[in-house]
Amino acid sequence: MRLSRYFLPTLKEAPSDAQIVSHQLMLRAGLIRQEAAGIYAWLPLGFRVLKKIEQIVREEQVRAGAVELLMPTLQLADLWRESGRYDAYGPEMLRITDRHERELLYGPTNEEMITDIFRAYVKSYKALPLNLFHIQWKFRDERRPRFGVMRGREFLMKDAYSFDVDEAAARKAYNRMFVAYLNTFARMGLKAVPMRADTGPIGGDLSHEFIVLADTGESQVFCDRRLVEMPAPGANVDWDDLQGIVDERTSMYAATEEMHDAARFEGETSEDQRLTARGIEVGHIFYFGTKYSEPMKAFVAGPDGRDTPVHMGSYGVGVSRLLGAIIEASHDEAGIIWPDAVAPFDVSVINLRANDAAVSAACEDAVGKLEAAGKEVLYDDTDERPGGKFATADLIGVPWQLTLGPKGLAEGVVELKRRATGEKESLSLESALARLTA
């Protein structure tokens, strides 16, 4: 992709109302543009990152056995009346009346709709277990939207819903999502700690938030330091028996501010392992039994032939929120530092003299070889001054910068920079391309 033909509206200074680093950098790097309070347009660079995060989430859901579908953003109010949540949910719900006087709402979550879909088709326990998920835009009318995509009103979310014949099976489904979330966030370069959490308006008696530690996190968290460094389980686990993995992580103290018990923290965690930090919620999972299936009559015939309400869980990941969380956890004074897996491009090729035929030819050749090797390349072929090109490259955070100029080419070398470390190396173009395509 040639930068001269790309739409990348960067800013030298962030707007004064952008209070946290991720919001400032997303605006400055041309990832988003605010259209209304808590509502953003996703510009090309931000949209590329959003789609990469979405794909990682999707792949790990499928690996854990979930099946994808897509539900609409608008829902019938009557479904929410069946569950008893329509009046209870509060002013965060955007209520709508269409031209036929039907009462609708812009979905903040999908427990009711997925339960309605399930009950229409599934009648026997033999069709279970079942986990259905989608990745869809949601709307919650926050009183004070702030911090950019971290606390917006419209947001992209993955939500999955499990259906099982009894509590024991439902807890196995919960464990599968627990492990899937650990793997998901690890693939994005994040260390997410599962913490026992309040179930809130979703309901139920078992819930964990997945928290990424960051200095600018929205709330205070308390945990055993060993949880932060614990590696993700990985794909090669026994998906039918995950209790040991879950027990290992839930046996150590970890709690959000709302669930914190200071006496327990001190009693269960040695002083040298106690960690108090700020954290950002990036995922939340719930087991809530028959909270929705009972009032909505989502029954299946059990092994004994009698109808029984299914046991359910729901599992959310803030896909758009994750961009903010990743930036909060990975940036420096120059800009964003994208982990490789979610970066908008793999390599930024920087032409220091776009009007030099030899330099341009070398850049074109390098771009062609990188793209042929499957790399996504942003080629800065603009006539911007070198200082401006380097500043833009650092700001947008592409993992590798390959710089070609007339002086270096005359000496047979180019510069290769790793954005994450700032390490620069002068080497031949062939060696640089070999490094990037290895």
Protein backbone atom coordinates (compact mmCIF):
# COMPACT_ATOMS: atom_id res chain seq x y z
CA MET A 1 0.00 0.00 0.00
CA ARG A 2 1.47 3.34 -1.08
CA LEU A 3 1.15 5.97 1.62
CA SER A 4 0.69 8.63 -1.09
CA ARG A 5 -2.57 6.88 -2.06
CA TYR A 6 -3.66 5.86 1.44
CA PHE A 7 -5.99 7.75 3.76
CA LEU A 8 -3.99 8.37 6.93
CA PRO A 9 -5.00 11.69 8.54
CA THR A 10 -2.45 11.98 11.36
CA LEU A 11 -2.40 14.82 13.89
CA LYS A 12 0.62 16.45 15.53
CA GLU A 13 -1.33 17.15 18.70
CA ALA A 14 -4.23 15.28 20.28
CA PRO A 15 -7.49 17.17 20.97
CA SER A 16 -7.63 18.59 24.48
CA ASP A 17 -10.57 16.39 25.51
CA ALA A 18 -8.60 13.16 24.90
CA GLN A 19 -7.63 12.28 28.47
CA ILE A 20 -5.84 8.94 28.24
CA VAL A 21 -2.94 7.75 26.11
CA SER A 22 -4.90 5.31 23.95
CA HIS A 23 -7.53 7.91 23.04
CA GLN A 24 -4.83 10.48 22.24
CA LEU A 25 -2.79 8.10 20.09
CA MET A 26 -5.80 6.65 18.26
CA LEU A 27 -6.79 10.18 17.22
CA ARG A 28 -3.24 11.28 16.40
CA ALA A 29 -2.45 8.11 14.40
CA GLY A 30 -5.62 8.43 12.34
CA LEU A 31 -7.28 5.26 13.65
CA ILE A 32 -10.64 6.79 14.56
CA ARG A 33 -12.67 9.97 14.27
CA GLN A 34 -15.32 11.00 16.77
CA GLU A 35 -18.77 11.46 15.21
CA ALA A 36 -20.71 12.00 18.45
CA ALA A 37 -20.11 11.44 22.15
CA GLY A 38 -18.89 7.85 22.50
CA ILE A 39 -19.44 7.09 18.79
CA TYR A 40 -16.52 6.77 16.38
CA ALA A 41 -15.85 6.25 12.69
CA TRP A 42 -13.13 3.68 12.13
CA LEU A 43 -10.60 5.06 9.66
CA PRO A 44 -8.61 2.71 7.40
CA LEU A 45 -5.63 2.11 9.72
CA GLY A 46 -7.82 1.53 12.77
CA PHE A 47 -10.17 -0.69 10.80
CA ARG A 48 -7.28 -2.94 9.76
CA VAL A 49 -6.31 -3.47 13.40
CA LEU A 50 -9.94 -4.01 14.39
CA LYS A 51 -10.33 -6.78 11.80
CA LYS A 52 -7.15 -8.51 12.96
CA ILE A 53 -8.30 -8.51 16.57
CA GLU A 54 -11.71 -9.76 15.47
CA GLN A 55 -10.13 -12.64 13.54
CA ILE A 56 -8.00 -13.79 16.49
CA VAL A 57 -11.10 -13.76 18.70
CA ARG A 58 -13.03 -15.74 16.06
CA GLU A 59 -10.30 -18.36 15.61
CA GLU A 60 -10.02 -19.04 19.34
CA GLN A 61 -13.80 -19.30 19.73
CA VAL A 62 -13.96 -21.86 16.93
CA ARG A 63 -11.00 -23.75 18.40
CA ALA A 64 -12.92 -24.03 21.67
CA GLY A 65 -15.94 -25.47 19.89
CA ALA A 66 -18.18 -22.42 19.48
CA VAL A 67 -20.24 -21.96 16.30
CA GLU A 68 -20.58 -18.54 14.68
CA LEU A 69 -23.81 -16.85 13.60
CA LEU A 70 -24.89 -13.23 13.32
CA MET A 71 -27.78 -11.60 15.17
CA PRO A 72 -29.22 -8.18 14.32
CA THR A 73 -28.45 -5.02 16.27
CA LEU A 74 -32.15 -4.29 16.85
CA GLN A 75 -34.17 -6.52 19.17
CA LEU A 76 -37.84 -6.80 20.12
CA ALA A 77 -38.68 -5.32 23.51
CA ASP A 78 -41.09 -8.19 24.14
CA LEU A 79 -38.21 -10.67 24.38
CA TRP A 80 -36.70 -8.61 27.16
CA ARG A 81 -40.04 -8.42 28.90
CA GLU A 82 -40.13 -12.22 28.91
CA SER A 83 -36.86 -12.37 30.80
CA GLY A 84 -37.83 -9.50 33.10
CA ARG A 85 -34.93 -7.28 32.08
CA TYR A 86 -36.64 -4.68 29.91
CA ASP A 87 -37.58 -2.36 32.76
CA ALA A 88 -34.75 -3.44 35.02
CA TYR A 89 -31.89 -2.72 32.62
CA GLY A 90 -31.98 1.04 33.11
CA PRO A 91 -31.32 4.15 31.02
CA GLU A 92 -28.26 2.62 29.31
CA MET A 93 -30.69 0.80 27.00
CA LEU A 94 -31.56 2.75 23.85
CA ARG A 95 -35.29 2.17 23.33
CA ILE A 96 -36.80 2.69 19.88
CA THR A 97 -40.31 2.72 18.43
CA ASP A 98 -40.63 2.01 14.70
CA ARG A 99 -43.25 3.41 12.29
CA HIS A 100 -45.64 0.57 13.18
CA GLU A 101 -45.41 1.42 16.90
CA ARG A 102 -43.41 -1.73 17.63
CA GLU A 103 -41.10 -1.33 20.59
CA LEU A 104 -37.50 -2.17 19.79
CA LEU A 105 -34.12 -1.64 21.40
CA TYR A 106 -30.55 -1.35 20.15
CA GLY A 107 -29.03 -4.45 21.70
CA PRO A 108 -26.61 -3.95 24.59
CA THR A 109 -26.28 -7.75 24.84
CA ASN A 110 -28.03 -10.80 23.37
CA GLU A 111 -29.09 -13.28 26.06
CA GLU A 112 -32.77 -12.94 25.21
CA MET A 113 -32.43 -13.19 21.45
CA ILE A 114 -30.11 -16.18 21.50
CA THR A 115 -32.43 -17.95 23.96
CA ASP A 116 -35.32 -17.31 21.57
CA ILE A 117 -33.31 -18.75 18.66
CA PHE A 118 -32.32 -21.77 20.72
CA ARG A 119 -35.82 -22.61 21.95
CA ALA A 120 -37.21 -22.44 18.41
CA TYR A 121 -34.99 -25.26 17.17
CA VAL A 122 -33.44 -27.34 19.96
CA LYS A 123 -35.76 -29.78 21.72
CA SER A 124 -33.55 -32.59 22.98
CA TYR A 125 -30.52 -32.89 25.24
CA LYS A 126 -28.90 -34.91 22.43
CA ALA A 127 -28.22 -31.63 20.59
CA LEU A 128 -26.15 -30.41 23.54
CA PRO A 129 -23.63 -29.09 24.42
CA LEU A 130 -23.98 -26.09 22.16
CA ASN A 131 -22.15 -22.77 22.11
CA LEU A 132 -23.20 -20.05 19.66
CA PHE A 133 -21.31 -16.78 19.20
CA HIS A 134 -21.35 -13.68 17.06
CA ILE A 135 -19.28 -10.53 16.63
CA GLN A 136 -21.61 -7.56 16.39
CA TRP A 137 -21.97 -3.89 17.22
CA LYS A 138 -23.65 -3.06 20.52
CA PHE A 139 -24.95 0.15 22.05
CA ARG A 140 -25.11 1.21 25.68
CA ASP A 141 -26.12 4.78 26.37
CA GLU A 142 -23.38 5.60 28.87
CA ARG A 143 -24.09 8.65 30.99
CA ARG A 144 -20.51 9.85 30.61
CA PRO A 145 -18.81 8.27 27.60
CA ARG A 146 -15.10 8.96 27.84
CA PHE A 147 -11.62 7.57 27.23
CA GLY A 148 -12.29 6.99 23.53
CA VAL A 149 -13.12 3.39 22.64
CA MET A 150 -12.50 2.32 26.23
CA ARG A 151 -15.83 3.73 27.40
CA GLY A 152 -17.82 4.37 24.25
CA ARG A 153 -21.51 4.05 23.59
CA GLU A 154 -21.26 2.06 20.35
CA PHE A 155 -18.75 -0.78 20.41
CA LEU A 156 -17.88 -4.05 18.68
CA MET A 157 -18.23 -7.10 20.87
CA LYS A 158 -17.91 -10.84 20.63
CA ASP A 159 -20.55 -12.55 22.72
CA ALA A 160 -20.95 -16.31 23.01
CA TYR A 161 -23.73 -18.26 24.71
CA SER A 162 -23.50 -21.84 25.95
CA PHE A 163 -26.39 -24.27 26.40
CA ASP A 164 -26.06 -27.43 28.48
CA VAL A 165 -28.33 -30.03 30.04
CA ASP A 166 -27.14 -29.51 33.63
CA GLU A 167 -24.80 -27.52 35.86
CA ALA A 168 -21.88 -29.95 35.59
CA ALA A 169 -21.90 -29.74 31.79
CA ALA A 170 -22.37 -25.96 31.90
CA ARG A 171 -19.30 -25.55 34.07
CA LYS A 172 -17.29 -27.49 31.50
CA ALA A 173 -18.50 -25.00 28.88
CA TYR A 174 -17.45 -22.18 31.20
CA ASN A 175 -13.99 -23.70 31.50
CA ARG A 176 -13.63 -23.92 27.73
CA MET A 177 -14.30 -20.20 27.41
CA PHE A 178 -12.01 -19.45 30.35
CA VAL A 179 -9.11 -21.18 28.57
CA ALA A 180 -10.07 -19.76 25.16
CA TYR A 181 -9.85 -16.25 26.60
CA LEU A 182 -6.39 -16.84 28.04
CA ASN A 183 -5.21 -18.01 24.62
CA THR A 184 -6.97 -15.17 22.81
CA PHE A 185 -5.35 -12.36 24.77
CA ALA A 186 -1.93 -14.02 24.75
CA ARG A 187 -2.01 -14.11 20.93
CA MET A 188 -2.48 -10.34 21.00
CA GLY A 189 0.60 -9.85 23.15
CA LEU A 190 -1.44 -9.19 26.30
CA LYS A 191 -1.09 -10.69 29.76
CA ALA A 192 -4.67 -10.97 30.97
CA VAL A 193 -5.41 -12.06 34.53
CA PRO A 194 -8.78 -13.73 35.30
CA MET A 195 -10.38 -12.18 38.37
CA ARG A 196 -13.53 -13.13 40.24
CA ALA A 197 -16.08 -10.46 39.44
CA ASP A 198 -19.58 -9.19 40.13
CA THR A 199 -22.18 -10.59 37.72
CA GLY A 200 -23.98 -7.22 37.36
CA PRO A 201 -27.10 -7.01 35.16
CA ILE A 202 -26.25 -10.27 33.34
CA GLY A 203 -26.92 -12.24 36.53
CA GLY A 204 -25.73 -15.62 37.79
CA ASP A 205 -23.43 -16.91 40.51
CA LEU A 206 -20.10 -17.41 38.71
CA SER A 207 -18.21 -14.74 36.82
CA HIS A 208 -14.67 -13.77 35.91
CA GLU A 209 -13.29 -10.61 34.35
CA PHE A 210 -10.10 -10.78 32.32
CA ILE A 211 -7.94 -7.83 33.25
CA VAL A 212 -4.94 -6.36 31.43
CA LEU A 213 -2.64 -4.44 33.74
CA ALA A 214 -1.89 -0.88 32.66
CA ASP A 215 -0.89 2.24 34.57
CA THR A 216 -3.89 4.10 33.16
CA GLY A 217 -6.36 1.29 33.90
CA GLU A 218 -9.91 2.19 34.83
CA SER A 219 -9.94 0.42 38.21
CA GLN A 220 -7.66 -0.92 40.89
CA VAL A 221 -7.00 -4.66 40.99
CA PHE A 222 -5.31 -6.99 43.43
CA CYS A 223 -3.66 -10.29 42.56
CA ASP A 224 -0.88 -12.78 43.11
CA ARG A 225 2.06 -11.61 40.99
CA ARG A 226 2.60 -15.12 39.65
CA LEU A 227 -0.66 -14.94 37.70
CA VAL A 228 0.70 -12.14 35.52
CA GLU A 229 3.66 -14.20 34.34
CA MET A 230 1.79 -17.49 33.91
CA PRO A 231 1.89 -18.53 30.23
CA ALA A 232 -1.29 -19.17 28.27
CA PRO A 233 -2.43 -22.82 28.13
CA GLY A 234 -2.05 -22.93 24.34
CA ALA A 235 -4.05 -24.84 21.76
CA ASN A 236 -2.74 -28.29 22.66
CA VAL A 237 -4.86 -28.87 25.73
CA ASP A 238 -7.43 -31.53 26.52
CA TRP A 239 -10.55 -29.52 25.77
CA ASP A 240 -12.68 -32.10 27.56
CA ASP A 241 -10.84 -31.75 30.86
CA LEU A 242 -9.75 -28.21 31.66
CA GLN A 243 -10.58 -28.10 35.35
CA GLY A 244 -6.93 -28.35 36.38
CA ILE A 245 -5.99 -25.32 34.29
CA VAL A 246 -8.89 -23.30 35.69
CA ASP A 247 -8.17 -24.41 39.26
CA GLU A 248 -4.51 -23.42 38.95
CA ARG A 249 -5.44 -19.86 38.02
CA THR A 250 -8.40 -19.45 40.36
CA SER A 251 -6.62 -20.89 43.40
CA MET A 252 -4.44 -17.77 43.62
CA TYR A 253 -5.91 -14.49 44.82
CA ALA A 254 -7.15 -12.12 42.12
CA ALA A 255 -9.97 -9.64 42.53
CA THR A 256 -11.29 -6.43 41.10
CA GLU A 257 -11.83 -3.45 43.37
CA GLU A 258 -15.52 -4.34 43.84
CA MET A 259 -14.75 -7.90 44.96
CA HIS A 260 -11.55 -7.23 46.92
CA ASP A 261 -11.15 -8.63 50.44
CA ALA A 262 -8.03 -7.16 52.05
CA ALA A 263 -7.88 -9.77 54.81
CA ARG A 264 -8.08 -12.63 52.31
CA PHE A 265 -5.48 -11.00 50.08
CA GLU A 266 -3.00 -10.77 52.93
CA GLY A 267 -3.84 -14.23 54.23
CA GLU A 268 -3.63 -16.04 50.90
CA THR A 269 -0.73 -14.21 49.24
CA SER A 270 2.81 -13.86 50.53
CA GLU A 271 3.96 -10.27 50.89
CA ASP A 272 6.51 -10.49 48.07
CA GLN A 273 3.84 -11.75 45.65
CA ARG A 274 1.12 -9.20 46.41
CA LEU A 275 0.48 -6.99 43.40
CA THR A 276 -1.74 -3.92 43.46
CA ALA A 277 -2.15 -2.25 40.10
CA ARG A 278 -4.53 -0.57 37.69
CA GLY A 279 -6.36 -2.77 35.23
CA ILE A 280 -8.50 -2.71 32.08
CA GLU A 281 -11.31 -5.21 31.58
CA VAL A 282 -11.09 -6.85 28.13
CA GLY A 283 -13.35 -9.85 28.65
CA HIS A 284 -16.09 -11.08 30.99
CA ILE A 285 -17.58 -14.56 31.34
CA PHE A 286 -20.70 -15.65 33.24
CA TYR A 287 -22.45 -18.85 34.24
CA PHE A 288 -26.04 -18.07 35.18
CA GLY A 289 -27.81 -21.42 35.11
CA THR A 290 -31.50 -21.17 34.23
CA LYS A 291 -31.89 -17.40 34.71
CA TYR A 292 -33.10 -16.97 31.12
CA SER A 293 -34.23 -20.45 30.15
CA GLU A 294 -36.79 -20.70 32.97
CA PRO A 295 -38.81 -17.53 32.23
CA MET A 296 -38.38 -17.92 28.47
CA LYS A 297 -39.22 -21.65 28.53
CA ALA A 298 -36.08 -22.83 26.77
CA PHE A 299 -36.57 -26.49 27.67
CA VAL A 300 -35.15 -29.70 26.24
CA ALA A 301 -36.21 -33.28 26.79
CA GLY A 302 -33.67 -34.77 29.17
CA PRO A 303 -32.37 -38.38 29.25
CA ASP A 304 -35.45 -39.34 31.30
CA GLY A 305 -37.78 -37.82 28.72
CA ARG A 306 -38.89 -34.96 30.94
CA ASP A 307 -38.55 -31.33 29.92
CA THR A 308 -35.80 -29.46 31.73
CA PRO A 309 -34.58 -25.88 31.40
CA VAL A 310 -31.14 -25.61 29.86
CA HIS A 311 -28.21 -24.22 31.82
CA MET A 312 -26.60 -21.24 30.15
CA GLY A 313 -23.54 -19.04 30.23
CA SER A 314 -22.49 -15.93 28.33
CA TYR A 315 -19.02 -14.82 27.38
CA GLY A 316 -18.07 -11.36 26.13
CA VAL A 317 -14.93 -9.85 24.61
CA GLY A 318 -14.72 -6.13 23.88
CA VAL A 319 -13.23 -6.31 20.38
CA SER A 320 -13.10 -2.56 19.75
CA ARG A 321 -12.14 -1.90 23.37
CA LEU A 322 -9.12 -4.16 22.91
CA LEU A 323 -7.48 -1.61 20.61
CA GLY A 324 -7.43 0.87 23.45
CA ALA A 325 -6.23 -1.74 25.93
CA ILE A 326 -3.37 -2.86 23.67
CA ILE A 327 -2.22 0.74 23.18
CA GLU A 328 -2.42 1.45 26.91
CA ALA A 329 -0.22 -1.59 27.54
CA SER A 330 2.14 -1.03 24.58
CA HIS A 331 3.28 2.49 23.69
CA ASP A 332 6.09 4.96 24.27
CA GLU A 333 6.54 8.72 23.96
CA ALA A 334 6.77 8.44 20.16
CA GLY A 335 3.55 6.53 19.61
CA ILE A 336 1.94 3.11 19.41
CA ILE A 337 3.91 -0.16 19.56
CA TRP A 338 1.68 -2.79 17.96
CA PRO A 339 2.25 -6.47 18.77
CA ASP A 340 2.99 -8.28 15.51
CA ALA A 341 -0.27 -10.25 15.45
CA VAL A 342 -2.55 -7.18 15.38
CA ALA A 343 -0.39 -4.58 13.62
CA PRO A 344 -2.08 -2.87 10.65
CA PHE A 345 0.97 -3.61 8.49
CA ASP A 346 3.99 -5.84 9.04
CA VAL A 347 6.61 -3.51 7.56
CA SER A 348 6.88 0.17 6.81
CA VAL A 349 9.22 0.77 3.86
CA ILE A 350 10.51 4.35 4.01
CA ASN A 351 11.84 6.03 0.86
CA LEU A 352 14.07 8.90 2.00
CA ARG A 353 14.19 10.49 -1.47
CA ALA A 354 11.09 9.76 -3.52
CA ASN A 355 12.37 11.78 -6.50
CA ASP A 356 15.51 9.63 -6.80
CA ALA A 357 14.93 6.98 -9.48
CA ALA A 358 17.47 4.52 -8.05
CA VAL A 359 16.09 4.75 -4.52
CA SER A 360 12.51 4.42 -5.76
CA ALA A 361 13.42 1.39 -7.88
CA ALA A 362 15.06 -0.28 -4.88
CA CYS A 363 12.02 0.46 -2.71
CA GLU A 364 9.64 -0.91 -5.35
CA ASP A 365 11.73 -4.07 -5.57
CA ALA A 366 11.77 -4.47 -1.78
CA VAL A 367 8.02 -3.94 -1.51
CA GLY A 368 7.37 -6.48 -4.27
CA LYS A 369 9.52 -9.14 -2.60
CA LEU A 370 7.99 -8.55 0.82
CA GLU A 371 4.45 -8.74 -0.53
CA ALA A 372 5.30 -11.88 -2.51
CA ALA A 373 6.41 -13.42 0.80
CA GLY A 374 3.01 -12.63 2.29
CA LYS A 375 3.95 -9.50 4.21
CA GLU A 376 1.63 -6.50 4.47
CA VAL A 377 3.63 -3.40 3.55
CA LEU A 378 2.99 0.31 3.94
CA TYR A 379 5.29 2.07 1.49
CA ASP A 380 6.04 5.70 2.37
CA ASP A 381 6.63 7.14 -1.09
CA THR A 382 5.60 10.66 -0.11
CA ASP A 383 7.80 13.75 -0.49
CA GLU A 384 7.65 14.43 3.26
CA ARG A 385 10.95 15.32 4.97
CA PRO A 386 12.81 12.34 6.54
CA GLY A 387 12.09 13.54 10.08
CA GLY A 388 8.38 13.61 9.36
CA LYS A 389 8.47 10.13 7.82
CA PHE A 390 10.22 8.67 10.85
CA ALA A 391 7.79 10.40 13.21
CA THR A 392 4.80 9.00 11.31
CA ALA A 393 6.27 5.50 11.25
CA ASP A 394 6.86 5.59 15.02
CA LEU A 395 3.44 7.10 15.69
CA ILE A 396 1.47 4.40 13.84
CA GLY A 397 3.60 1.65 15.38
CA VAL A 398 4.24 -0.76 12.50
CA PRO A 399 6.58 -3.46 13.93
CA TRP A 400 9.39 -3.08 11.38
CA GLN A 401 10.76 -0.03 9.55
CA LEU A 402 12.93 -0.56 6.48
CA THR A 403 14.58 2.69 5.40
CA LEU A 404 16.25 3.21 2.02
CA GLY A 405 18.16 6.36 1.01
CA PRO A 406 20.69 7.40 -1.64
CA LYS A 407 23.68 7.46 0.70
CA GLY A 408 23.02 4.03 2.14
CA LEU A 409 22.34 2.44 -1.22
CA ALA A 410 25.61 3.88 -2.54
CA GLU A 411 27.33 2.08 0.35
CA GLY A 412 25.24 -1.07 -0.17
CA VAL A 413 23.28 -0.83 3.07
CA VAL A 414 19.78 -0.06 4.32
CA GLU A 415 18.50 0.53 7.86
CA LEU A 416 16.21 -1.93 9.62
CA LYS A 417 14.51 -0.81 12.82
CA ARG A 418 12.47 -2.87 15.26
CA ARG A 419 9.78 -0.53 16.59
CA ALA A 420 9.30 -2.35 19.90
CA THR A 421 12.92 -2.03 21.02
CA GLY A 422 14.11 0.91 18.93
CA GLU A 423 17.08 -1.22 17.82
CA LYS A 424 18.50 -0.15 14.46
CA GLU A 425 20.79 -2.15 12.22
CA SER A 426 22.61 -1.31 8.98
CA LEU A 427 22.81 -4.26 6.61
CA SER A 428 22.44 -5.18 2.97
CA LEU A 429 18.99 -5.02 1.43
CA GLU A 430 19.11 -8.76 0.74
CA SER A 431 19.92 -9.49 4.39
CA ALA A 432 17.17 -7.14 5.59
CA LEU A 433 14.59 -8.83 3.36
CA ALA A 434 15.75 -12.25 4.51
CA ARG A 435 15.30 -11.14 8.13
CA LEU A 436 11.81 -9.80 7.46
CA THR A 437 10.62 -12.85 5.53
CA ALA A 438 12.21 -15.55 7.73
